[in-house]
Amino acid sequence: MCFALPLRVKSTSQSKAVMEDGRQVNLAMVGQSKKGQWLLVQSNLAVDRLTQAEARAMRSAIKEATSNVVGDFHEVKL
């Protein structure tokens, strides 16, 4: 199962972006992006552009869904 995260662009080059969590993502599916823009990221690939409202709603839903999860998971800071 793949899971996509809403992340903000920290910096960009022509075909890649560095996201707020430090990962580098490929921009082939969304085209060039700007610093501060929100992208939906799955497996180091930006798959969609998001508005700030969409990103915040997704982050809120992820926090809610994972707040009661117990187990050995990597913590994602949202």
Foldseek 3Di string as FASTA:
>chain_A
DKDKAKWFFQQDDQFWTQTPVGQIAGAVQPGDDHGGWIFTDIPRYGNGTDDPVVNVVVVVVVCVVCVPDDDDDDDDDD
